[in-house]
Protein backbone atom coordinates (compact mmCIF):
# COMPACT_ATOMS: atom_id res chain seq x y z
CA MET A 1 109.62 -36.22 42.27
CA SER A 2 111.62 -33.28 43.24
CA GLY A 3 115.02 -32.89 41.56
CA GLU A 4 114.37 -35.81 39.20
CA ILE A 5 115.41 -35.62 35.58
CA ALA A 6 112.90 -35.33 32.62
CA LEU A 7 114.15 -35.72 29.11
CA ASP A 8 113.15 -33.57 26.33
CA THR A 9 112.30 -34.86 22.72
CA SER A 10 115.55 -33.64 21.30
CA VAL A 11 117.64 -35.82 23.72
CA VAL A 12 115.54 -38.90 23.49
CA VAL A 13 115.89 -38.83 19.54
CA ARG A 14 119.66 -38.61 20.14
CA PHE A 15 119.53 -41.57 22.50
CA LEU A 16 117.46 -43.56 20.20
CA ASN A 17 119.87 -42.65 17.31
CA GLY A 18 122.78 -44.00 19.30
CA ASP A 19 124.54 -40.77 20.28
CA GLY A 20 127.22 -42.36 22.53
CA ALA A 21 127.56 -39.55 24.95
CA ILE A 22 123.78 -39.28 25.52
CA VAL A 23 123.44 -42.98 25.63
CA GLU A 24 125.68 -43.26 28.60
CA ARG A 25 124.32 -40.51 30.44
CA VAL A 26 120.52 -41.72 29.88
CA LEU A 27 121.45 -45.33 30.92
CA ALA A 28 123.03 -43.97 34.27
CA LEU A 29 119.66 -42.31 35.27
CA PRO A 30 118.01 -44.33 38.04
CA GLU A 31 114.64 -43.56 36.25
CA ILE A 32 113.87 -42.01 33.03
CA ILE A 33 110.89 -39.61 33.15
CA LEU A 34 109.15 -38.30 30.06
CA PRO A 35 106.66 -35.35 30.00
CA THR A 36 103.48 -36.40 28.37
CA VAL A 37 103.89 -34.15 25.52
CA VAL A 38 107.34 -35.51 24.72
CA VAL A 39 105.69 -39.12 24.39
CA GLY A 40 103.29 -37.48 21.76
CA GLU A 41 106.16 -35.72 19.84
CA LEU A 42 107.95 -39.08 19.78
CA LEU A 43 104.96 -41.07 18.59
CA PHE A 44 104.30 -38.59 15.97
CA GLY A 45 107.90 -38.47 14.75
CA ALA A 46 107.78 -42.34 14.58
CA GLU A 47 104.65 -42.39 12.68
CA ASN A 48 105.82 -39.60 10.26
CA SER A 49 109.08 -41.01 9.51
CA THR A 50 109.98 -42.62 6.32
CA ARG A 51 111.01 -45.55 8.49
CA SER A 52 107.79 -45.72 10.49
CA LEU A 53 107.66 -49.58 10.68
CA GLN A 54 111.28 -49.66 12.10
CA ASN A 55 111.03 -46.66 14.19
CA LEU A 56 107.61 -47.10 15.74
CA PRO A 57 108.41 -50.49 17.82
CA ARG A 58 111.75 -49.01 19.01
CA TYR A 59 110.16 -45.70 20.23
CA LEU A 60 107.25 -47.72 21.91
CA GLU A 61 109.88 -50.10 23.72
CA PHE A 62 111.77 -46.84 24.91
CA ILE A 63 108.47 -45.27 26.09
CA ALA A 64 107.39 -48.37 27.89
CA ALA A 65 110.55 -48.32 29.99
CA CYS A 66 109.93 -44.83 31.07
CA ALA A 67 108.00 -42.99 33.94
CA ILE A 68 105.32 -40.76 32.38
CA ALA A 69 103.22 -38.56 34.59
CA PRO A 70 99.69 -37.35 33.48
CA LEU A 71 98.93 -33.82 32.66
CA GLY A 72 96.74 -32.16 35.35
CA LYS A 73 95.27 -29.02 36.56
CA GLU A 74 98.55 -27.93 37.93
CA ALA A 75 100.25 -28.22 34.86
CA ALA A 76 97.52 -26.54 33.08
CA ALA A 77 97.66 -23.57 35.54
CA ALA A 78 101.63 -23.47 35.00
CA TYR A 79 101.09 -23.54 31.16
CA ALA A 80 98.81 -20.39 31.41
CA ARG A 81 101.40 -18.53 33.52
CA ILE A 82 104.23 -19.48 31.41
CA ARG A 83 102.51 -18.66 28.11
CA LEU A 84 101.30 -15.06 29.56
CA THR A 85 104.84 -14.41 30.98
CA LEU A 86 106.40 -15.29 27.43
CA LYS A 87 103.79 -13.26 25.72
CA ARG A 88 104.40 -10.14 27.97
CA LYS A 89 108.23 -10.56 27.18
CA GLY A 90 107.52 -10.78 23.42
CA ARG A 91 109.27 -14.20 23.40
CA PRO A 92 107.02 -16.87 22.06
CA ILE A 93 108.04 -20.44 22.01
CA PRO A 94 106.37 -23.52 20.52
CA MET A 95 103.23 -24.37 22.40
CA ASN A 96 104.66 -28.01 23.08
CA ASP A 97 107.55 -26.54 24.65
CA ILE A 98 105.36 -24.64 27.06
CA TRP A 99 103.43 -27.78 28.04
CA ILE A 100 106.74 -29.56 28.67
CA SER A 101 107.95 -26.66 30.97
CA ALA A 102 104.75 -26.55 32.60
CA GLN A 103 104.78 -30.24 33.64
CA CYS A 104 108.64 -30.10 34.69
CA LEU A 105 107.90 -26.99 36.92
CA GLN A 106 104.75 -28.62 38.49
CA HIS A 107 107.03 -31.75 39.50
CA SER A 108 110.32 -29.69 40.06
CA TRP A 109 111.85 -31.87 37.26
CA VAL A 110 115.17 -30.89 35.68
CA LEU A 111 114.70 -30.80 32.00
CA VAL A 112 117.50 -32.21 29.87
CA THR A 113 117.43 -30.74 26.42
CA ASP A 114 119.48 -29.38 23.73
CA ASP A 115 116.56 -26.79 22.52
CA ARG A 116 117.48 -23.34 23.57
CA ASP A 117 113.64 -22.14 23.44
CA PHE A 118 113.46 -23.52 27.03
CA ASP A 119 116.06 -21.10 28.33
CA TYR A 120 113.18 -18.29 28.10
CA VAL A 121 111.13 -20.09 30.60
CA ASP A 122 111.47 -18.49 34.11
CA GLY A 123 112.22 -20.85 36.84
CA LEU A 124 112.83 -24.04 34.78
CA ILE A 125 115.80 -25.89 35.70
CA LEU A 126 117.71 -26.91 32.66
CA GLU A 127 120.65 -29.05 31.65
CA HIS A 128 121.86 -28.98 28.00
CA TRP A 129 123.36 -32.47 26.87
């Protein structure tokens, strides 16, 4: 899966909310990849929203159209390395972002996000849309 693009939650939400520039770029991708943790964040967001009855089916439909790789031992090892490195730098980021980073590093995915916390993860290839 080397060089493929994975989407962070922030970009998916903008897509689902109809941000024209994001919609165009996402629809141009040959395949939409979602890290497993992004799927969890999306489902939580849909369930937790004031419009969960409208949002959940839309989110589920989008998720069903995406490729999702399971988390495994390699991602867990990458998570431990990233978390330790960030701790030593004195630059903690949210745990979910560490898991997303770990899975992207494991698969050599480019992570598309508008979240600057990912900038602190060594070796992570990012695009900010």
